[in-house]
N, C-alpha and C. Protein backbone atom coordinates (compact mmCIF):
# COMPACT_ATOMS: atom_id res chain seq x y z
N MET A 1 0.84 -1.18 0.00
CA MET A 1 0.00 0.00 0.00
C MET A 1 0.89 1.24 0.00
N ALA A 2 0.58 2.19 -0.85
CA ALA A 2 1.37 3.41 -0.96
C ALA A 2 1.14 4.31 0.25
N PRO A 3 2.18 5.03 0.67
CA PRO A 3 2.00 5.94 1.80
C PRO A 3 1.09 7.10 1.40
N PRO A 4 0.42 7.71 2.37
CA PRO A 4 -0.43 8.86 2.06
C PRO A 4 0.39 9.99 1.43
N ARG A 5 -0.23 10.71 0.53
CA ARG A 5 0.44 11.83 -0.14
C ARG A 5 0.01 13.14 0.51
N LEU A 6 0.99 13.97 0.80
CA LEU A 6 0.77 15.33 1.27
C LEU A 6 1.16 16.26 0.14
N LEU A 7 0.23 17.10 -0.27
CA LEU A 7 0.46 18.02 -1.38
C LEU A 7 0.66 19.43 -0.86
N LEU A 8 1.81 20.01 -1.18
CA LEU A 8 2.09 21.41 -0.84
C LEU A 8 2.02 22.20 -2.15
N VAL A 9 1.07 23.12 -2.22
CA VAL A 9 0.88 23.98 -3.39
C VAL A 9 1.13 25.41 -2.96
N PHE A 10 2.01 26.09 -3.69
CA PHE A 10 2.34 27.46 -3.30
C PHE A 10 2.66 28.29 -4.54
N HIS A 11 2.71 29.60 -4.32
CA HIS A 11 3.18 30.52 -5.36
C HIS A 11 4.09 31.54 -4.70
N SER A 12 5.11 31.93 -5.44
CA SER A 12 6.03 32.97 -4.97
C SER A 12 6.59 33.69 -6.17
N ARG A 13 6.50 34.99 -6.16
CA ARG A 13 7.08 35.77 -7.25
C ARG A 13 8.47 36.26 -6.87
N ALA A 14 8.62 36.80 -5.68
CA ALA A 14 9.89 37.39 -5.27
C ALA A 14 10.80 36.39 -4.54
N GLY A 15 10.27 35.22 -4.20
CA GLY A 15 11.09 34.22 -3.53
C GLY A 15 10.86 34.09 -2.04
N THR A 16 10.21 35.06 -1.43
CA THR A 16 10.01 35.01 0.02
C THR A 16 9.04 33.91 0.42
N THR A 17 7.92 33.82 -0.29
CA THR A 17 6.97 32.76 0.03
C THR A 17 7.57 31.40 -0.30
N GLU A 18 8.43 31.33 -1.30
CA GLU A 18 9.11 30.08 -1.62
C GLU A 18 10.04 29.66 -0.47
N ARG A 19 10.73 30.61 0.14
CA ARG A 19 11.57 30.28 1.30
C ARG A 19 10.72 29.72 2.43
N LEU A 20 9.57 30.31 2.63
CA LEU A 20 8.66 29.82 3.66
C LEU A 20 8.13 28.43 3.29
N ALA A 21 7.80 28.23 2.02
CA ALA A 21 7.33 26.92 1.55
C ALA A 21 8.41 25.85 1.74
N THR A 22 9.65 26.21 1.53
CA THR A 22 10.75 25.27 1.73
C THR A 22 10.84 24.86 3.20
N ALA A 23 10.66 25.81 4.10
CA ALA A 23 10.66 25.49 5.53
C ALA A 23 9.49 24.58 5.88
N VAL A 24 8.31 24.85 5.31
CA VAL A 24 7.14 24.02 5.55
C VAL A 24 7.39 22.60 5.04
N ALA A 25 7.94 22.49 3.83
CA ALA A 25 8.25 21.18 3.25
C ALA A 25 9.29 20.43 4.09
N ASP A 26 10.32 21.13 4.54
CA ASP A 26 11.33 20.50 5.40
C ASP A 26 10.70 19.96 6.67
N GLY A 27 9.78 20.73 7.24
CA GLY A 27 9.07 20.27 8.43
C GLY A 27 8.24 19.04 8.15
N ALA A 28 7.56 19.02 7.01
CA ALA A 28 6.72 17.87 6.66
C ALA A 28 7.58 16.62 6.49
N ARG A 29 8.73 16.77 5.85
CA ARG A 29 9.62 15.62 5.65
C ARG A 29 10.14 15.10 6.99
N THR A 30 10.41 16.00 7.92
CA THR A 30 10.91 15.62 9.24
C THR A 30 9.79 15.03 10.10
N GLY A 31 8.62 15.65 10.04
CA GLY A 31 7.50 15.23 10.89
C GLY A 31 6.93 13.88 10.52
N ALA A 32 7.03 13.51 9.25
CA ALA A 32 6.50 12.22 8.80
C ALA A 32 7.28 11.76 7.58
N PRO A 33 8.46 11.21 7.80
CA PRO A 33 9.32 10.81 6.68
C PRO A 33 8.69 9.78 5.75
N SER A 34 7.70 9.02 6.23
CA SER A 34 7.10 8.00 5.39
C SER A 34 6.05 8.56 4.42
N LEU A 35 5.60 9.77 4.64
CA LEU A 35 4.62 10.37 3.73
C LEU A 35 5.25 10.65 2.38
N ASP A 36 4.43 10.61 1.36
CA ASP A 36 4.84 11.00 0.01
C ASP A 36 4.53 12.48 -0.13
N LEU A 37 5.54 13.33 -0.05
CA LEU A 37 5.36 14.78 -0.15
C LEU A 37 5.55 15.22 -1.58
N SER A 38 4.58 15.95 -2.08
CA SER A 38 4.66 16.52 -3.42
C SER A 38 4.57 18.03 -3.28
N VAL A 39 5.56 18.76 -3.80
CA VAL A 39 5.62 20.22 -3.72
C VAL A 39 5.48 20.77 -5.13
N LEU A 40 4.43 21.55 -5.35
CA LEU A 40 4.15 22.07 -6.68
C LEU A 40 3.81 23.56 -6.64
N ASP A 41 4.26 24.27 -7.66
CA ASP A 41 3.82 25.63 -7.87
C ASP A 41 2.34 25.59 -8.25
N CYS A 42 1.62 26.64 -7.93
CA CYS A 42 0.18 26.69 -8.23
C CYS A 42 -0.12 26.39 -9.69
N PHE A 43 0.71 26.91 -10.60
CA PHE A 43 0.45 26.71 -12.02
C PHE A 43 0.70 25.27 -12.47
N ALA A 44 1.50 24.52 -11.74
CA ALA A 44 1.80 23.13 -12.09
C ALA A 44 0.80 22.14 -11.50
N ALA A 45 0.18 22.50 -10.39
CA ALA A 45 -0.74 21.59 -9.71
C ALA A 45 -2.01 21.39 -10.51
N GLN A 46 -2.43 20.14 -10.61
CA GLN A 46 -3.60 19.77 -11.40
C GLN A 46 -4.65 19.09 -10.50
N PRO A 47 -5.89 18.98 -10.97
CA PRO A 47 -6.91 18.31 -10.16
C PRO A 47 -6.49 16.91 -9.70
N GLY A 48 -5.81 16.16 -10.54
CA GLY A 48 -5.37 14.82 -10.14
C GLY A 48 -4.43 14.84 -8.95
N ASP A 49 -3.60 15.88 -8.86
CA ASP A 49 -2.70 16.01 -7.71
C ASP A 49 -3.50 16.17 -6.42
N VAL A 50 -4.56 16.96 -6.48
CA VAL A 50 -5.41 17.19 -5.31
C VAL A 50 -6.19 15.92 -4.97
N LEU A 51 -6.72 15.27 -5.99
CA LEU A 51 -7.49 14.04 -5.76
C LEU A 51 -6.63 12.94 -5.12
N ASP A 52 -5.35 12.91 -5.46
CA ASP A 52 -4.44 11.89 -4.92
C ASP A 52 -3.91 12.22 -3.52
N ALA A 53 -4.16 13.43 -3.03
CA ALA A 53 -3.58 13.87 -1.76
C ALA A 53 -4.48 13.53 -0.59
N ALA A 54 -3.85 13.08 0.49
CA ALA A 54 -4.58 12.85 1.74
C ALA A 54 -4.80 14.16 2.48
N ALA A 55 -3.93 15.15 2.24
CA ALA A 55 -4.01 16.46 2.88
C ALA A 55 -3.26 17.46 2.03
N LEU A 56 -3.52 18.74 2.28
CA LEU A 56 -2.87 19.81 1.52
C LEU A 56 -2.30 20.87 2.43
N LEU A 57 -1.21 21.45 1.97
CA LEU A 57 -0.64 22.67 2.54
C LEU A 57 -0.67 23.71 1.43
N LEU A 58 -1.24 24.86 1.72
CA LEU A 58 -1.39 25.91 0.72
C LEU A 58 -0.59 27.13 1.15
N GLY A 59 0.18 27.71 0.21
CA GLY A 59 0.98 28.88 0.53
C GLY A 59 0.82 29.95 -0.53
N THR A 60 0.57 31.16 -0.09
CA THR A 60 0.38 32.26 -1.04
C THR A 60 0.92 33.56 -0.46
N PRO A 61 1.44 34.42 -1.33
CA PRO A 61 1.68 35.78 -0.89
C PRO A 61 0.36 36.53 -0.85
N ALA A 62 0.29 37.56 -0.05
CA ALA A 62 -0.87 38.45 -0.05
C ALA A 62 -0.64 39.49 -1.14
N ARG A 63 -1.60 39.64 -2.02
CA ARG A 63 -1.51 40.59 -3.13
C ARG A 63 -2.75 41.46 -3.14
N PHE A 64 -2.58 42.74 -2.88
CA PHE A 64 -3.69 43.69 -2.93
C PHE A 64 -4.87 43.24 -2.07
N GLY A 65 -4.57 42.71 -0.89
CA GLY A 65 -5.61 42.27 0.03
C GLY A 65 -6.26 40.96 -0.36
N TYR A 66 -5.60 40.17 -1.18
CA TYR A 66 -6.18 38.93 -1.70
C TYR A 66 -5.07 37.89 -1.84
N MET A 67 -5.44 36.65 -2.11
CA MET A 67 -4.44 35.63 -2.42
C MET A 67 -3.79 35.98 -3.76
N SER A 68 -2.70 35.34 -4.10
CA SER A 68 -2.06 35.59 -5.39
C SER A 68 -2.97 35.13 -6.53
N GLY A 69 -2.80 35.73 -7.68
CA GLY A 69 -3.55 35.32 -8.85
C GLY A 69 -3.29 33.87 -9.21
N ALA A 70 -2.06 33.41 -8.96
CA ALA A 70 -1.71 32.01 -9.24
C ALA A 70 -2.51 31.06 -8.34
N MET A 71 -2.67 31.41 -7.07
CA MET A 71 -3.46 30.56 -6.16
C MET A 71 -4.92 30.57 -6.59
N LYS A 72 -5.43 31.71 -6.99
CA LYS A 72 -6.81 31.77 -7.47
C LYS A 72 -6.97 30.91 -8.72
N ASP A 73 -6.00 30.98 -9.64
CA ASP A 73 -6.03 30.14 -10.83
C ASP A 73 -6.06 28.65 -10.44
N PHE A 74 -5.23 28.27 -9.49
CA PHE A 74 -5.23 26.89 -9.00
C PHE A 74 -6.63 26.48 -8.54
N PHE A 75 -7.24 27.31 -7.70
CA PHE A 75 -8.58 26.98 -7.20
C PHE A 75 -9.60 26.90 -8.34
N GLU A 76 -9.51 27.80 -9.29
CA GLU A 76 -10.46 27.77 -10.41
C GLU A 76 -10.33 26.49 -11.21
N ARG A 77 -9.11 25.97 -11.36
CA ARG A 77 -8.90 24.76 -12.16
C ARG A 77 -9.30 23.49 -11.42
N ILE A 78 -9.15 23.48 -10.10
CA ILE A 78 -9.41 22.23 -9.36
C ILE A 78 -10.80 22.19 -8.72
N TYR A 79 -11.47 23.32 -8.63
CA TYR A 79 -12.70 23.40 -7.83
C TYR A 79 -13.73 22.34 -8.22
N HIS A 80 -14.24 22.41 -9.42
CA HIS A 80 -15.31 21.48 -9.81
C HIS A 80 -14.84 20.03 -9.92
N PRO A 81 -13.65 19.75 -10.48
CA PRO A 81 -13.22 18.35 -10.52
C PRO A 81 -13.00 17.72 -9.14
N CYS A 82 -12.72 18.55 -8.13
CA CYS A 82 -12.40 18.02 -6.80
C CYS A 82 -13.51 18.24 -5.78
N LEU A 83 -14.57 18.93 -6.15
CA LEU A 83 -15.58 19.36 -5.20
C LEU A 83 -16.15 18.22 -4.36
N GLU A 84 -16.65 17.21 -4.97
CA GLU A 84 -17.28 16.13 -4.21
C GLU A 84 -16.26 15.16 -3.62
N ALA A 85 -15.24 14.86 -4.37
CA ALA A 85 -14.29 13.81 -3.98
C ALA A 85 -13.37 14.21 -2.83
N THR A 86 -13.18 15.51 -2.59
CA THR A 86 -12.22 15.92 -1.57
C THR A 86 -12.87 16.55 -0.34
N ALA A 87 -14.17 16.46 -0.22
CA ALA A 87 -14.85 17.00 0.97
C ALA A 87 -14.25 16.38 2.23
N GLY A 88 -13.97 17.21 3.21
CA GLY A 88 -13.38 16.75 4.47
C GLY A 88 -11.88 16.66 4.47
N ARG A 89 -11.25 16.95 3.34
CA ARG A 89 -9.78 16.85 3.22
C ARG A 89 -9.13 17.85 4.17
N PRO A 90 -8.18 17.43 5.01
CA PRO A 90 -7.49 18.35 5.91
C PRO A 90 -6.52 19.24 5.14
N TYR A 91 -6.38 20.48 5.61
CA TYR A 91 -5.44 21.39 4.98
C TYR A 91 -4.85 22.35 6.02
N GLY A 92 -3.70 22.92 5.63
CA GLY A 92 -3.07 23.99 6.38
C GLY A 92 -2.74 25.11 5.41
N LEU A 93 -2.57 26.31 5.93
CA LEU A 93 -2.37 27.50 5.11
C LEU A 93 -1.26 28.36 5.68
N PHE A 94 -0.43 28.91 4.77
CA PHE A 94 0.54 29.93 5.17
C PHE A 94 0.49 31.07 4.16
N VAL A 95 0.55 32.29 4.69
CA VAL A 95 0.42 33.51 3.88
C VAL A 95 1.50 34.49 4.31
N LYS A 96 2.18 35.04 3.31
CA LYS A 96 3.23 36.05 3.55
C LYS A 96 2.81 37.35 2.88
N GLY A 97 2.83 38.45 3.63
CA GLY A 97 2.48 39.75 3.08
C GLY A 97 3.39 40.83 3.61
N ASP A 98 3.46 41.93 2.90
CA ASP A 98 4.29 43.05 3.33
C ASP A 98 3.63 43.86 4.44
N THR A 99 2.31 44.10 4.32
CA THR A 99 1.65 44.96 5.28
C THR A 99 0.40 44.34 5.89
N ASP A 100 -0.27 43.43 5.19
CA ASP A 100 -1.53 42.87 5.66
C ASP A 100 -1.75 41.52 4.99
N VAL A 101 -2.27 40.58 5.74
CA VAL A 101 -2.54 39.26 5.18
C VAL A 101 -3.99 38.81 5.39
N ASP A 102 -4.75 39.58 6.13
CA ASP A 102 -6.11 39.16 6.51
C ASP A 102 -6.99 38.89 5.29
N GLY A 103 -6.95 39.75 4.28
CA GLY A 103 -7.77 39.56 3.09
C GLY A 103 -7.37 38.31 2.34
N ALA A 104 -6.08 38.03 2.28
CA ALA A 104 -5.61 36.82 1.60
C ALA A 104 -6.07 35.57 2.34
N VAL A 105 -5.97 35.58 3.65
CA VAL A 105 -6.42 34.43 4.44
C VAL A 105 -7.92 34.22 4.22
N SER A 106 -8.71 35.28 4.33
CA SER A 106 -10.15 35.10 4.20
C SER A 106 -10.55 34.69 2.78
N SER A 107 -9.82 35.16 1.77
CA SER A 107 -10.17 34.77 0.40
C SER A 107 -9.90 33.28 0.17
N VAL A 108 -8.81 32.76 0.70
CA VAL A 108 -8.54 31.32 0.60
C VAL A 108 -9.60 30.55 1.39
N GLU A 109 -9.88 31.00 2.60
CA GLU A 109 -10.83 30.28 3.44
C GLU A 109 -12.24 30.24 2.85
N ARG A 110 -12.64 31.30 2.16
CA ARG A 110 -13.96 31.28 1.51
C ARG A 110 -14.05 30.17 0.48
N ILE A 111 -12.97 29.98 -0.27
CA ILE A 111 -12.99 28.94 -1.30
C ILE A 111 -12.93 27.55 -0.69
N VAL A 112 -12.07 27.34 0.31
CA VAL A 112 -11.98 26.00 0.89
C VAL A 112 -13.24 25.63 1.68
N VAL A 113 -13.96 26.61 2.17
CA VAL A 113 -15.26 26.32 2.78
C VAL A 113 -16.19 25.74 1.72
N GLY A 114 -16.17 26.31 0.52
CA GLY A 114 -16.97 25.78 -0.57
C GLY A 114 -16.56 24.37 -0.96
N LEU A 115 -15.27 24.10 -0.91
CA LEU A 115 -14.77 22.76 -1.20
C LEU A 115 -15.05 21.78 -0.06
N ARG A 116 -15.39 22.34 1.09
CA ARG A 116 -15.65 21.57 2.31
C ARG A 116 -14.40 20.87 2.84
N TRP A 117 -13.25 21.52 2.62
CA TRP A 117 -12.01 21.03 3.23
C TRP A 117 -12.03 21.40 4.70
N ARG A 118 -11.19 20.75 5.47
CA ARG A 118 -11.18 20.92 6.92
C ARG A 118 -9.85 21.51 7.38
N ARG A 119 -9.90 22.75 7.87
CA ARG A 119 -8.69 23.37 8.41
C ARG A 119 -8.36 22.70 9.73
N VAL A 120 -7.15 22.15 9.83
CA VAL A 120 -6.77 21.41 11.04
C VAL A 120 -5.77 22.16 11.91
N LEU A 121 -5.20 23.25 11.39
CA LEU A 121 -4.26 24.09 12.14
C LEU A 121 -4.55 25.54 11.82
N PRO A 122 -4.27 26.44 12.74
CA PRO A 122 -4.46 27.86 12.42
C PRO A 122 -3.53 28.28 11.28
N PRO A 123 -3.96 29.23 10.45
CA PRO A 123 -3.08 29.71 9.38
C PRO A 123 -1.82 30.35 9.95
N LEU A 124 -0.72 30.11 9.27
CA LEU A 124 0.53 30.80 9.60
C LEU A 124 0.56 32.07 8.77
N THR A 125 0.62 33.20 9.43
CA THR A 125 0.67 34.48 8.73
C THR A 125 1.95 35.21 9.07
N VAL A 126 2.57 35.76 8.03
CA VAL A 126 3.82 36.50 8.20
C VAL A 126 3.63 37.86 7.55
N VAL A 127 3.81 38.92 8.35
CA VAL A 127 3.70 40.29 7.84
C VAL A 127 5.07 40.95 8.00
N GLY A 128 5.55 41.53 6.92
CA GLY A 128 6.85 42.19 6.96
C GLY A 128 7.96 41.24 6.53
N ASP A 129 9.16 41.58 6.96
CA ASP A 129 10.32 40.76 6.59
C ASP A 129 10.22 39.36 7.19
N LEU A 130 10.67 38.39 6.43
CA LEU A 130 10.70 37.00 6.87
C LEU A 130 11.85 36.82 7.85
N THR A 131 11.56 36.26 9.02
CA THR A 131 12.57 36.08 10.06
C THR A 131 12.84 34.60 10.28
N GLU A 132 13.87 34.31 11.02
CA GLU A 132 14.16 32.92 11.39
C GLU A 132 13.00 32.33 12.19
N ALA A 133 12.36 33.14 13.04
CA ALA A 133 11.21 32.65 13.80
C ALA A 133 10.06 32.28 12.87
N ASP A 134 9.87 33.02 11.79
CA ASP A 134 8.83 32.70 10.81
C ASP A 134 9.14 31.38 10.10
N LEU A 135 10.41 31.19 9.75
CA LEU A 135 10.81 29.95 9.10
C LEU A 135 10.64 28.76 10.05
N GLU A 136 10.94 28.97 11.32
CA GLU A 136 10.73 27.92 12.32
C GLU A 136 9.24 27.60 12.46
N ALA A 137 8.39 28.63 12.42
CA ALA A 137 6.94 28.42 12.49
C ALA A 137 6.46 27.67 11.26
N GLY A 138 7.03 27.96 10.09
CA GLY A 138 6.69 27.23 8.88
C GLY A 138 7.09 25.76 8.99
N PHE A 139 8.29 25.52 9.49
CA PHE A 139 8.76 24.16 9.72
C PHE A 139 7.78 23.42 10.63
N GLU A 140 7.38 24.08 11.70
CA GLU A 140 6.45 23.48 12.67
C GLU A 140 5.09 23.19 12.03
N LEU A 141 4.60 24.09 11.20
CA LEU A 141 3.34 23.86 10.49
C LEU A 141 3.42 22.59 9.65
N GLY A 142 4.47 22.49 8.85
CA GLY A 142 4.63 21.30 8.01
C GLY A 142 4.78 20.03 8.82
N ALA A 143 5.60 20.08 9.86
CA ALA A 143 5.83 18.90 10.69
C ALA A 143 4.57 18.45 11.40
N THR A 144 3.82 19.39 11.92
CA THR A 144 2.61 19.06 12.67
C THR A 144 1.54 18.46 11.77
N LEU A 145 1.32 19.07 10.61
CA LEU A 145 0.31 18.54 9.69
C LEU A 145 0.72 17.15 9.21
N ALA A 146 1.97 16.99 8.82
CA ALA A 146 2.43 15.70 8.32
C ALA A 146 2.34 14.61 9.40
N ALA A 147 2.78 14.93 10.60
CA ALA A 147 2.71 13.95 11.69
C ALA A 147 1.27 13.58 12.00
N GLY A 148 0.38 14.55 11.95
CA GLY A 148 -1.04 14.29 12.20
C GLY A 148 -1.65 13.39 11.14
N ILE A 149 -1.23 13.58 9.89
CA ILE A 149 -1.72 12.71 8.81
C ILE A 149 -1.18 11.29 9.01
N GLU A 150 0.13 11.21 9.26
CA GLU A 150 0.75 9.88 9.44
C GLU A 150 0.14 9.12 10.61
N ALA A 151 -0.20 9.85 11.68
CA ALA A 151 -0.76 9.20 12.87
C ALA A 151 -2.26 8.96 12.75
N GLY A 152 -2.89 9.48 11.71
CA GLY A 152 -4.32 9.31 11.55
C GLY A 152 -5.16 10.25 12.39
N ILE A 153 -4.52 11.29 12.93
CA ILE A 153 -5.25 12.27 13.76
C ILE A 153 -6.10 13.19 12.88
N PHE A 154 -5.56 13.57 11.73
CA PHE A 154 -6.29 14.49 10.84
C PHE A 154 -6.95 13.73 9.71
């Protein structure tokens, strides 16, 4: 039997959200080494990737009070193909913004409510410069979600 797949989907234009995504992925690999971790840019992720995942980690920069256009594109492409089959799927979210992330968090949450996914951890939000503490929090997010999936808690 194949190990459960954890799908990390993110977008980064300037590289900061990618650094955070790398910390989240490192945490997931450490928290549950037996999981099959797949890390994809929003534009590369397809409905089949979501359908094959036991859980998701979503990462986006905050853009103009909203999620990135790439994350919105991802949701538009996967929404209907995944709507019924992924109800109840656990997910975690991380958002990086320069001044505000609340609009980006709520825009993602509105869509995942429609998908009926289940948030299992509070969103990780980073405002301003990315710090070592933020990277550690990203690592912890990935490790906790992965360990919870591996243990059957989520």
